[in-house]
Amino acid sequence: MQSSNGRARGGADGPERSGEHHQSRSPECVEAPGEVRYEDPWYDALASGWGEQGATASVGTYGAEMPTARREREDGALAAAQVYLEVQRSAAFQEVRSRYRRFVGPAFLGFLLWYVGYVVTATAAPGFMARPVVGAVNVALLAGLGQFLTTFLLTWAYVRHARLRRDRAALELRWDTQELTRGARGGVS
């Protein structure tokens, strides 16, 4: 992988191998391939905590321990994650999800069957689809326009169902979750 200045990053071939880059140059000034220098304090800075499991105090690029404020922020983030898990297990959340599934499952299945039926009929029975209904309008044209109509009707039904059966409960859950998260982080959001 290459960094923004075109050199390989993290490879075992170049001067950036295991901290050699940081010993040979200051982190503030970095040379680009054409001897152009630019200020980049974050060049090759390690993203501490990424991919590390259970690390409470990680070490940064230059061996400094994680600042206390950052550690407190991470502790707050862990507490907030626990809040989200609790909300996910709550009866109110499960009710909202089940209402969603009870609508979306049958609606999806019905629309899929209607669409596959249209495609199969158009392929297997072209004579039936070519049958004229009124003038130049045939069954295939009406069925194709019916696809658009059912798409709009299904969208309208979904929005109506969400507004009447899920939105208020979901908004209350969202509000409660934000309040619990704010409390878990010590009043800071």
N, C-alpha and C. Protein backbone atom coordinates (compact mmCIF):
# COMPACT_ATOMS: atom_id res chain seq x y z
N MET A 1 0.84 -1.16 0.00
CA MET A 1 0.00 0.00 0.00
C MET A 1 0.89 1.22 0.00
N GLN A 2 0.47 2.27 -0.70
CA GLN A 2 1.28 3.48 -0.77
C GLN A 2 0.63 4.58 0.05
N SER A 3 1.48 5.44 0.59
CA SER A 3 0.98 6.59 1.32
C SER A 3 0.67 7.71 0.35
N SER A 4 0.28 8.85 0.87
CA SER A 4 -0.11 9.96 0.01
C SER A 4 1.06 10.53 -0.78
N ASN A 5 2.28 10.26 -0.36
CA ASN A 5 3.41 10.80 -1.12
C ASN A 5 3.98 9.79 -2.10
N GLY A 6 3.33 8.63 -2.29
CA GLY A 6 3.73 7.69 -3.32
C GLY A 6 4.68 6.61 -2.87
N ARG A 7 5.18 6.66 -1.62
CA ARG A 7 6.09 5.63 -1.15
C ARG A 7 5.31 4.49 -0.52
N ALA A 8 5.90 3.32 -0.55
CA ALA A 8 5.26 2.16 0.06
C ALA A 8 5.18 2.37 1.56
N ARG A 9 4.06 1.98 2.14
CA ARG A 9 3.85 2.17 3.57
C ARG A 9 3.87 0.81 4.25
N GLY A 10 4.63 0.68 5.30
CA GLY A 10 4.62 -0.53 6.11
C GLY A 10 5.29 -1.73 5.46
N GLY A 11 5.94 -1.56 4.32
CA GLY A 11 6.60 -2.68 3.67
C GLY A 11 7.93 -2.97 4.33
N ALA A 12 8.49 -4.10 4.05
CA ALA A 12 9.75 -4.49 4.67
C ALA A 12 10.95 -4.09 3.82
N ASP A 13 10.73 -3.38 2.69
CA ASP A 13 11.84 -3.09 1.80
C ASP A 13 12.41 -1.69 1.98
N GLY A 14 11.63 -0.74 2.38
CA GLY A 14 12.04 0.65 2.36
C GLY A 14 12.54 1.14 3.70
N PRO A 15 12.82 2.43 3.77
CA PRO A 15 13.34 3.03 4.98
C PRO A 15 12.28 3.15 6.07
N GLU A 16 11.03 2.84 5.78
CA GLU A 16 9.97 2.99 6.76
C GLU A 16 9.80 1.73 7.60
N ARG A 17 10.69 0.82 7.48
CA ARG A 17 10.61 -0.46 8.16
C ARG A 17 10.85 -0.25 9.65
N SER A 18 9.92 -0.68 10.47
CA SER A 18 10.02 -0.77 11.94
C SER A 18 10.65 0.46 12.58
N GLY A 19 10.16 1.63 12.23
CA GLY A 19 10.57 2.84 12.92
C GLY A 19 11.81 3.50 12.35
N GLU A 20 12.47 2.94 11.33
CA GLU A 20 13.64 3.58 10.76
C GLU A 20 13.29 4.93 10.17
N HIS A 21 12.11 5.05 9.62
CA HIS A 21 11.69 6.31 9.03
C HIS A 21 11.62 7.40 10.09
N HIS A 22 11.14 7.04 11.25
CA HIS A 22 10.96 8.02 12.30
C HIS A 22 12.28 8.43 12.91
N GLN A 23 13.30 7.59 12.82
CA GLN A 23 14.60 7.94 13.36
C GLN A 23 15.37 8.82 12.38
N SER A 24 15.16 8.63 11.10
CA SER A 24 15.94 9.37 10.12
C SER A 24 15.37 10.76 9.82
N ARG A 25 14.08 10.96 10.01
CA ARG A 25 13.45 12.25 9.71
C ARG A 25 12.53 12.63 10.86
N SER A 26 12.35 13.90 11.03
CA SER A 26 11.38 14.33 12.03
C SER A 26 9.99 14.10 11.47
N PRO A 27 8.99 13.88 12.31
CA PRO A 27 7.65 13.58 11.80
C PRO A 27 6.98 14.80 11.19
N GLU A 28 7.51 15.99 11.43
CA GLU A 28 6.85 17.18 10.90
C GLU A 28 7.17 17.41 9.43
N CYS A 29 8.38 17.08 9.02
CA CYS A 29 8.78 17.34 7.63
C CYS A 29 8.98 16.02 6.91
N VAL A 30 8.33 15.87 5.80
CA VAL A 30 8.42 14.64 5.02
C VAL A 30 8.77 15.02 3.60
N GLU A 31 9.68 14.28 3.03
CA GLU A 31 10.07 14.55 1.65
C GLU A 31 9.25 13.71 0.70
N ALA A 32 8.70 14.36 -0.29
CA ALA A 32 7.97 13.67 -1.35
C ALA A 32 8.96 13.28 -2.43
N PRO A 33 8.56 12.46 -3.40
CA PRO A 33 9.50 11.97 -4.41
C PRO A 33 10.27 13.05 -5.16
N GLY A 34 9.73 14.20 -5.40
CA GLY A 34 10.42 15.24 -6.16
C GLY A 34 11.14 16.23 -5.28
N GLU A 35 11.62 15.81 -4.11
CA GLU A 35 12.30 16.67 -3.15
C GLU A 35 11.43 17.83 -2.68
N VAL A 36 10.13 17.70 -2.79
CA VAL A 36 9.22 18.71 -2.27
C VAL A 36 8.94 18.34 -0.83
N ARG A 37 9.04 19.32 0.06
CA ARG A 37 8.82 19.05 1.47
C ARG A 37 7.48 19.65 1.89
N TYR A 38 6.80 18.95 2.74
CA TYR A 38 5.54 19.46 3.25
C TYR A 38 5.39 19.05 4.71
N GLU A 39 4.60 19.80 5.43
CA GLU A 39 4.39 19.53 6.84
C GLU A 39 3.27 18.50 6.99
N ASP A 40 3.54 17.41 7.68
CA ASP A 40 2.53 16.38 7.90
C ASP A 40 2.80 15.71 9.24
N PRO A 41 2.20 16.22 10.32
CA PRO A 41 2.48 15.64 11.63
C PRO A 41 1.91 14.24 11.81
N TRP A 42 0.98 13.82 10.94
CA TRP A 42 0.35 12.52 11.10
C TRP A 42 0.93 11.48 10.16
N TYR A 43 1.99 11.79 9.47
CA TYR A 43 2.58 10.86 8.53
C TYR A 43 3.01 9.59 9.23
N ASP A 44 2.54 8.47 8.77
CA ASP A 44 2.85 7.16 9.31
C ASP A 44 2.52 7.01 10.80
N ALA A 45 1.63 7.84 11.31
CA ALA A 45 1.22 7.69 12.71
C ALA A 45 0.37 6.44 12.83
N LEU A 46 0.65 5.64 13.84
CA LEU A 46 -0.11 4.43 14.04
C LEU A 46 -1.49 4.77 14.57
N ALA A 47 -2.48 4.03 14.11
CA ALA A 47 -3.83 4.20 14.61
C ALA A 47 -3.97 3.29 15.82
N SER A 48 -3.65 3.80 16.99
CA SER A 48 -3.65 2.94 18.17
C SER A 48 -5.07 2.52 18.50
N GLY A 49 -5.21 1.29 18.88
CA GLY A 49 -6.51 0.74 19.22
C GLY A 49 -7.19 0.05 18.07
N TRP A 50 -6.71 0.22 16.85
CA TRP A 50 -7.35 -0.42 15.70
C TRP A 50 -6.89 -1.86 15.63
N GLY A 51 -7.82 -2.77 15.73
CA GLY A 51 -7.50 -4.18 15.62
C GLY A 51 -6.94 -4.78 16.88
N GLU A 52 -6.84 -4.00 17.93
CA GLU A 52 -6.33 -4.52 19.19
C GLU A 52 -7.51 -4.85 20.08
N GLN A 53 -7.56 -6.06 20.56
CA GLN A 53 -8.65 -6.50 21.42
C GLN A 53 -8.30 -6.28 22.88
N GLY A 54 -9.18 -5.63 23.60
CA GLY A 54 -9.03 -5.49 25.05
C GLY A 54 -7.90 -4.60 25.50
N ALA A 55 -7.37 -3.75 24.65
CA ALA A 55 -6.28 -2.87 25.05
C ALA A 55 -6.85 -1.69 25.83
N THR A 56 -6.36 -1.49 27.05
CA THR A 56 -6.84 -0.37 27.85
C THR A 56 -5.90 0.81 27.72
N ALA A 57 -4.63 0.59 27.71
CA ALA A 57 -3.68 1.68 27.54
C ALA A 57 -2.73 1.28 26.42
N SER A 58 -2.93 1.88 25.27
CA SER A 58 -2.08 1.52 24.14
C SER A 58 -0.94 2.51 24.01
N VAL A 59 0.06 2.11 23.28
CA VAL A 59 1.23 2.93 23.09
C VAL A 59 1.18 3.53 21.70
N GLY A 60 1.45 4.83 21.60
CA GLY A 60 1.39 5.53 20.32
C GLY A 60 2.66 5.33 19.52
N THR A 61 2.86 6.18 18.52
CA THR A 61 3.98 6.06 17.61
C THR A 61 5.33 6.22 18.31
N TYR A 62 5.40 7.14 19.25
CA TYR A 62 6.70 7.45 19.85
C TYR A 62 6.83 6.89 21.27
N GLY A 63 6.00 5.92 21.63
CA GLY A 63 6.14 5.27 22.91
C GLY A 63 5.41 5.97 24.04
N ALA A 64 4.67 7.01 23.77
CA ALA A 64 3.95 7.72 24.81
C ALA A 64 2.68 6.96 25.17
N GLU A 65 2.33 6.98 26.44
CA GLU A 65 1.12 6.31 26.87
C GLU A 65 -0.09 7.15 26.47
N MET A 66 -1.23 6.48 26.32
CA MET A 66 -2.46 7.14 25.91
C MET A 66 -2.86 8.19 26.95
N PRO A 67 -3.26 9.39 26.51
CA PRO A 67 -3.68 10.42 27.45
C PRO A 67 -4.90 9.98 28.25
N THR A 68 -5.03 10.52 29.45
CA THR A 68 -6.13 10.15 30.34
C THR A 68 -7.48 10.50 29.73
N ALA A 69 -7.58 11.65 29.09
CA ALA A 69 -8.86 12.06 28.49
C ALA A 69 -9.30 11.05 27.43
N ARG A 70 -8.34 10.57 26.65
CA ARG A 70 -8.69 9.60 25.61
C ARG A 70 -9.12 8.28 26.23
N ARG A 71 -8.46 7.87 27.29
CA ARG A 71 -8.82 6.63 27.97
C ARG A 71 -10.23 6.75 28.55
N GLU A 72 -10.55 7.91 29.13
CA GLU A 72 -11.90 8.12 29.66
C GLU A 72 -12.93 8.10 28.54
N ARG A 73 -12.57 8.66 27.39
CA ARG A 73 -13.47 8.65 26.24
C ARG A 73 -13.73 7.22 25.79
N GLU A 74 -12.70 6.40 25.77
CA GLU A 74 -12.87 5.00 25.37
C GLU A 74 -13.69 4.23 26.39
N ASP A 75 -13.50 4.53 27.68
CA ASP A 75 -14.32 3.88 28.71
C ASP A 75 -15.78 4.28 28.52
N GLY A 76 -16.02 5.55 28.19
CA GLY A 76 -17.38 6.01 27.91
C GLY A 76 -17.96 5.34 26.69
N ALA A 77 -17.12 5.10 25.69
CA ALA A 77 -17.58 4.43 24.48
C ALA A 77 -17.96 2.98 24.78
N LEU A 78 -17.21 2.33 25.66
CA LEU A 78 -17.56 0.96 26.05
C LEU A 78 -18.88 0.94 26.81
N ALA A 79 -19.07 1.92 27.69
CA ALA A 79 -20.33 2.00 28.43
C ALA A 79 -21.48 2.28 27.47
N ALA A 80 -21.24 3.14 26.47
CA ALA A 80 -22.27 3.43 25.47
C ALA A 80 -22.60 2.19 24.66
N ALA A 81 -21.60 1.40 24.35
CA ALA A 81 -21.84 0.16 23.60
C ALA A 81 -22.72 -0.78 24.41
N GLN A 82 -22.52 -0.82 25.71
CA GLN A 82 -23.36 -1.64 26.57
C GLN A 82 -24.80 -1.15 26.55
N VAL A 83 -24.98 0.18 26.50
CA VAL A 83 -26.33 0.75 26.42
C VAL A 83 -27.01 0.27 25.15
N TYR A 84 -26.31 0.30 24.03
CA TYR A 84 -26.91 -0.13 22.77
C TYR A 84 -27.28 -1.61 22.81
N LEU A 85 -26.44 -2.41 23.44
CA LEU A 85 -26.78 -3.84 23.56
C LEU A 85 -28.00 -4.05 24.44
N GLU A 86 -28.11 -3.28 25.51
CA GLU A 86 -29.28 -3.38 26.37
C GLU A 86 -30.55 -2.97 25.63
N VAL A 87 -30.45 -1.90 24.87
CA VAL A 87 -31.62 -1.44 24.10
C VAL A 87 -32.00 -2.48 23.07
N GLN A 88 -31.02 -3.09 22.42
CA GLN A 88 -31.31 -4.10 21.42
C GLN A 88 -32.03 -5.31 22.03
N ARG A 89 -31.72 -5.62 23.26
CA ARG A 89 -32.37 -6.75 23.93
C ARG A 89 -33.73 -6.39 24.54
N SER A 90 -34.07 -5.11 24.57
CA SER A 90 -35.30 -4.67 25.24
C SER A 90 -36.54 -5.11 24.47
N ALA A 91 -37.65 -5.21 25.19
CA ALA A 91 -38.92 -5.63 24.58
C ALA A 91 -39.42 -4.59 23.59
N ALA A 92 -39.20 -3.31 23.87
CA ALA A 92 -39.66 -2.25 22.96
C ALA A 92 -38.95 -2.34 21.62
N PHE A 93 -37.65 -2.58 21.64
CA PHE A 93 -36.90 -2.70 20.38
C PHE A 93 -37.35 -3.94 19.61
N GLN A 94 -37.53 -5.04 20.33
CA GLN A 94 -37.98 -6.27 19.67
C GLN A 94 -39.36 -6.09 19.06
N GLU A 95 -40.23 -5.32 19.70
CA GLU A 95 -41.56 -5.05 19.15
C GLU A 95 -41.46 -4.24 17.85
N VAL A 96 -40.62 -3.22 17.85
CA VAL A 96 -40.45 -2.41 16.63
C VAL A 96 -39.90 -3.29 15.50
N ARG A 97 -38.91 -4.12 15.81
CA ARG A 97 -38.34 -4.99 14.79
C ARG A 97 -39.37 -6.01 14.28
N SER A 98 -40.18 -6.55 15.17
CA SER A 98 -41.18 -7.54 14.72
C SER A 98 -42.26 -6.88 13.87
N ARG A 99 -42.65 -5.64 14.20
CA ARG A 99 -43.61 -4.92 13.35
C ARG A 99 -43.03 -4.69 11.96
N TYR A 100 -41.75 -4.35 11.93
CA TYR A 100 -41.07 -4.15 10.64
C TYR A 100 -41.07 -5.45 9.84
N ARG A 101 -40.68 -6.53 10.48
CA ARG A 101 -40.61 -7.82 9.78
C ARG A 101 -41.97 -8.32 9.33
N ARG A 102 -42.99 -8.08 10.14
CA ARG A 102 -44.33 -8.53 9.77
C ARG A 102 -44.84 -7.82 8.52
N PHE A 103 -44.38 -6.60 8.28
CA PHE A 103 -44.79 -5.92 7.05
C PHE A 103 -43.87 -6.27 5.89
N VAL A 104 -42.58 -6.17 6.11
CA VAL A 104 -41.62 -6.30 5.02
C VAL A 104 -41.57 -7.72 4.47
N GLY A 105 -41.65 -8.73 5.30
CA GLY A 105 -41.60 -10.12 4.82
C GLY A 105 -42.67 -10.43 3.79
N PRO A 106 -43.96 -10.28 4.15
CA PRO A 106 -45.00 -10.56 3.17
C PRO A 106 -44.98 -9.62 1.96
N ALA A 107 -44.66 -8.34 2.20
CA ALA A 107 -44.62 -7.39 1.08
C ALA A 107 -43.53 -7.78 0.09
N PHE A 108 -42.36 -8.13 0.61
CA PHE A 108 -41.26 -8.54 -0.26
C PHE A 108 -41.62 -9.81 -1.03
N LEU A 109 -42.16 -10.79 -0.33
CA LEU A 109 -42.52 -12.05 -0.96
C LEU A 109 -43.59 -11.84 -2.05
N GLY A 110 -44.61 -11.03 -1.74
CA GLY A 110 -45.66 -10.75 -2.73
C GLY A 110 -45.12 -10.05 -3.96
N PHE A 111 -44.28 -9.03 -3.74
CA PHE A 111 -43.75 -8.30 -4.88
C PHE A 111 -42.80 -9.18 -5.69
N LEU A 112 -42.00 -10.00 -5.02
CA LEU A 112 -41.09 -10.89 -5.74
C LEU A 112 -41.86 -11.89 -6.60
N LEU A 113 -42.91 -12.45 -6.03
CA LEU A 113 -43.73 -13.40 -6.81
C LEU A 113 -44.39 -12.69 -8.01
N TRP A 114 -44.88 -11.50 -7.81
CA TRP A 114 -45.49 -10.73 -8.89
C TRP A 114 -44.47 -10.44 -10.00
N TYR A 115 -43.25 -10.03 -9.61
CA TYR A 115 -42.22 -9.73 -10.60
C TYR A 115 -41.78 -11.00 -11.34
N VAL A 116 -41.51 -12.08 -10.61
CA VAL A 116 -41.08 -13.33 -11.25
C VAL A 116 -42.20 -13.87 -12.13
N GLY A 117 -43.45 -13.75 -11.67
CA GLY A 117 -44.58 -14.17 -12.50
C GLY A 117 -44.65 -13.41 -13.81
N TYR A 118 -44.39 -12.12 -13.74
CA TYR A 118 -44.37 -11.29 -14.96
C TYR A 118 -43.27 -11.75 -15.91
N VAL A 119 -42.07 -11.95 -15.39
CA VAL A 119 -40.95 -12.35 -16.24
C VAL A 119 -41.17 -13.75 -16.81
N VAL A 120 -41.63 -14.67 -16.00
CA VAL A 120 -41.85 -16.04 -16.48
C VAL A 120 -42.96 -16.07 -17.52
N THR A 121 -44.04 -15.33 -17.27
CA THR A 121 -45.14 -15.29 -18.24
C THR A 121 -44.69 -14.67 -19.55
N ALA A 122 -43.90 -13.59 -19.46
CA ALA A 122 -43.40 -12.96 -20.69
C ALA A 122 -42.51 -13.90 -21.47
N THR A 123 -41.76 -14.75 -20.77
CA THR A 123 -40.85 -15.68 -21.43
C THR A 123 -41.58 -16.94 -21.91
N ALA A 124 -42.44 -17.50 -21.08
CA ALA A 124 -43.05 -18.78 -21.38
C ALA A 124 -44.32 -18.67 -22.22
N ALA A 125 -45.02 -17.55 -22.12
CA ALA A 125 -46.28 -17.41 -22.85
C ALA A 125 -46.32 -16.11 -23.64
N PRO A 126 -45.47 -15.98 -24.66
CA PRO A 126 -45.45 -14.73 -25.42
C PRO A 126 -46.76 -14.48 -26.17
N GLY A 127 -47.45 -15.53 -26.52
CA GLY A 127 -48.74 -15.38 -27.21
C GLY A 127 -49.77 -14.72 -26.30
N PHE A 128 -49.79 -15.14 -25.04
CA PHE A 128 -50.71 -14.54 -24.08
C PHE A 128 -50.35 -13.08 -23.83
N MET A 129 -49.06 -12.78 -23.69
CA MET A 129 -48.64 -11.40 -23.41
C MET A 129 -48.88 -10.49 -24.61
N ALA A 130 -48.91 -11.06 -25.82
CA ALA A 130 -49.14 -10.26 -27.02
C ALA A 130 -50.62 -10.03 -27.30
N ARG A 131 -51.48 -10.66 -26.55
CA ARG A 131 -52.92 -10.52 -26.77
C ARG A 131 -53.34 -9.06 -26.57
N PRO A 132 -54.00 -8.47 -27.57
CA PRO A 132 -54.42 -7.06 -27.44
C PRO A 132 -55.58 -6.92 -26.45
N VAL A 133 -55.55 -5.83 -25.69
CA VAL A 133 -56.61 -5.53 -24.74
C VAL A 133 -57.48 -4.41 -25.29
N VAL A 134 -56.86 -3.28 -25.59
CA VAL A 134 -57.56 -2.13 -26.19
C VAL A 134 -56.64 -1.54 -27.24
N GLY A 135 -57.00 -1.64 -28.48
CA GLY A 135 -56.19 -1.06 -29.56
C GLY A 135 -54.80 -1.68 -29.58
N ALA A 136 -53.76 -0.83 -29.47
CA ALA A 136 -52.37 -1.29 -29.50
C ALA A 136 -51.87 -1.69 -28.12
N VAL A 137 -52.69 -1.55 -27.10
CA VAL A 137 -52.30 -1.91 -25.73
C VAL A 137 -52.54 -3.41 -25.53
N ASN A 138 -51.48 -4.12 -25.17
CA ASN A 138 -51.60 -5.57 -24.97
C ASN A 138 -51.39 -5.92 -23.49
N VAL A 139 -51.49 -7.21 -23.17
CA VAL A 139 -51.37 -7.68 -21.79
C VAL A 139 -49.97 -7.37 -21.24
N ALA A 140 -48.93 -7.53 -22.03
CA ALA A 140 -47.56 -7.28 -21.58
C ALA A 140 -47.37 -5.83 -21.17
N LEU A 141 -47.92 -4.90 -21.94
CA LEU A 141 -47.80 -3.49 -21.62
C LEU A 141 -48.52 -3.17 -20.30
N LEU A 142 -49.71 -3.72 -20.15
CA LEU A 142 -50.45 -3.49 -18.91
C LEU A 142 -49.73 -4.11 -17.71
N ALA A 143 -49.19 -5.30 -17.87
CA ALA A 143 -48.46 -5.94 -16.78
C ALA A 143 -47.18 -5.17 -16.45
N GLY A 144 -46.49 -4.67 -17.46
CA GLY A 144 -45.28 -3.87 -17.23
C GLY A 144 -45.60 -2.57 -16.50
N LEU A 145 -46.68 -1.90 -16.91
CA LEU A 145 -47.10 -0.70 -16.20
C LEU A 145 -47.57 -1.04 -14.79
N GLY A 146 -48.14 -2.24 -14.65
CA GLY A 146 -48.56 -2.70 -13.33
C GLY A 146 -47.37 -2.87 -12.39
N GLN A 147 -46.21 -3.21 -12.93
CA GLN A 147 -45.00 -3.31 -12.11
C GLN A 147 -44.67 -1.94 -11.49
N PHE A 148 -44.75 -0.90 -12.31
CA PHE A 148 -44.49 0.45 -11.79
C PHE A 148 -45.55 0.83 -10.76
N LEU A 149 -46.78 0.55 -11.06
CA LEU A 149 -47.88 0.90 -10.15
C LEU A 149 -47.72 0.18 -8.81
N THR A 150 -47.42 -1.10 -8.84
CA THR A 150 -47.26 -1.82 -7.58
C THR A 150 -46.04 -1.34 -6.80
N THR A 151 -45.00 -0.89 -7.49
CA THR A 151 -43.84 -0.33 -6.80
C THR A 151 -44.24 0.91 -6.02
N PHE A 152 -44.99 1.81 -6.67
CA PHE A 152 -45.44 3.03 -5.99
C PHE A 152 -46.41 2.70 -4.87
N LEU A 153 -47.32 1.76 -5.09
CA LEU A 153 -48.27 1.38 -4.05
C LEU A 153 -47.55 0.74 -2.86
N LEU A 154 -46.58 -0.08 -3.13
CA LEU A 154 -45.84 -0.72 -2.04
C LEU A 154 -45.05 0.33 -1.25
N THR A 155 -44.48 1.30 -1.93
CA THR A 155 -43.76 2.37 -1.24
C THR A 155 -44.72 3.16 -0.36
N TRP A 156 -45.88 3.51 -0.89
CA TRP A 156 -46.88 4.24 -0.12
C TRP A 156 -47.31 3.43 1.10
N ALA A 157 -47.54 2.13 0.92
CA ALA A 157 -47.97 1.28 2.03
C ALA A 157 -46.88 1.16 3.09
N TYR A 158 -45.63 1.07 2.66
CA TYR A 158 -44.53 0.98 3.61
C TYR A 158 -44.42 2.25 4.44
N VAL A 159 -44.48 3.40 3.79
CA VAL A 159 -44.38 4.67 4.50
C VAL A 159 -45.55 4.83 5.47
N ARG A 160 -46.73 4.47 5.04
CA ARG A 160 -47.91 4.56 5.91
C ARG A 160 -47.77 3.63 7.11
N HIS A 161 -47.35 2.41 6.86
CA HIS A 161 -47.16 1.45 7.95
C HIS A 161 -46.11 1.96 8.94
N ALA A 162 -45.02 2.48 8.43
CA ALA A 162 -43.97 2.99 9.31
C ALA A 162 -44.49 4.16 10.14
N ARG A 163 -45.21 5.06 9.50
CA ARG A 163 -45.72 6.23 10.20
C ARG A 163 -46.72 5.84 11.28
N LEU A 164 -47.60 4.91 10.99
CA LEU A 164 -48.66 4.55 11.94
C LEU A 164 -48.22 3.55 13.00
N ARG A 165 -47.30 2.65 12.68
CA ARG A 165 -47.03 1.54 13.59
C ARG A 165 -45.61 1.50 14.17
N ARG A 166 -44.65 2.22 13.57
CA ARG A 166 -43.28 2.09 14.05
C ARG A 166 -42.59 3.38 14.42
N ASP A 167 -42.88 4.46 13.73
CA ASP A 167 -42.09 5.68 13.90
C ASP A 167 -42.11 6.23 15.32
N ARG A 168 -43.27 6.28 15.95
CA ARG A 168 -43.34 6.84 17.30
C ARG A 168 -42.53 5.98 18.28
N ALA A 169 -42.69 4.67 18.21
CA ALA A 169 -41.94 3.78 19.11
C ALA A 169 -40.44 3.87 18.82
N ALA A 170 -40.06 3.94 17.55
CA ALA A 170 -38.64 4.03 17.19
C ALA A 170 -38.06 5.36 17.66
N LEU A 171 -38.83 6.43 17.56
CA LEU A 171 -38.35 7.75 18.01
C LEU A 171 -38.16 7.74 19.53
N GLU A 172 -39.08 7.12 20.26
CA GLU A 172 -38.93 7.02 21.71
C GLU A 172 -37.71 6.18 22.07
N LEU A 173 -37.50 5.10 21.36
CA LEU A 173 -36.30 4.28 21.60
C LEU A 173 -35.03 5.08 21.32
N ARG A 174 -35.03 5.83 20.24
CA ARG A 174 -33.85 6.63 19.89
C ARG A 174 -33.58 7.66 20.98
N TRP A 175 -34.64 8.31 21.45
CA TRP A 175 -34.48 9.31 22.50
C TRP A 175 -33.93 8.67 23.78
N ASP A 176 -34.54 7.56 24.18
CA ASP A 176 -34.07 6.87 25.39
C ASP A 176 -32.62 6.41 25.24
N THR A 177 -32.28 5.91 24.08
CA THR A 177 -30.90 5.46 23.84
C THR A 177 -29.92 6.61 23.95
N GLN A 178 -30.27 7.76 23.38
CA GLN A 178 -29.37 8.91 23.47
C GLN A 178 -29.22 9.39 24.90
N GLU A 179 -30.31 9.38 25.66
CA GLU A 179 -30.24 9.79 27.06
C GLU A 179 -29.38 8.81 27.87
N LEU A 180 -29.56 7.52 27.65
CA LEU A 180 -28.76 6.52 28.37
C LEU A 180 -27.29 6.60 27.97
N THR A 181 -27.04 6.84 26.69
CA THR A 181 -25.66 6.97 26.22
C THR A 181 -25.00 8.20 26.82
N ARG A 182 -25.74 9.29 26.86
CA ARG A 182 -25.21 10.52 27.45
C ARG A 182 -24.87 10.29 28.92
N GLY A 183 -25.74 9.57 29.61
CA GLY A 183 -25.48 9.26 31.02
C GLY A 183 -24.29 8.34 31.20
N ALA A 184 -24.14 7.38 30.29
CA ALA A 184 -23.02 6.43 30.37
C ALA A 184 -21.69 7.10 30.11
N ARG A 185 -21.70 8.15 29.31
CA ARG A 185 -20.45 8.87 29.00
C ARG A 185 -20.19 10.00 29.97
N GLY A 186 -20.99 10.09 31.00
CA GLY A 186 -20.74 11.12 32.00
C GLY A 186 -21.27 12.47 31.61
N GLY A 187 -22.37 12.52 30.87
CA GLY A 187 -22.98 13.79 30.48
C GLY A 187 -22.42 14.40 29.23
N VAL A 188 -21.44 13.78 28.61
CA VAL A 188 -20.85 14.30 27.38
C VAL A 188 -21.34 13.48 26.22
N SER A 189 -21.86 14.16 25.19
CA SER A 189 -22.34 13.39 24.03
C SER A 189 -21.42 13.49 22.86
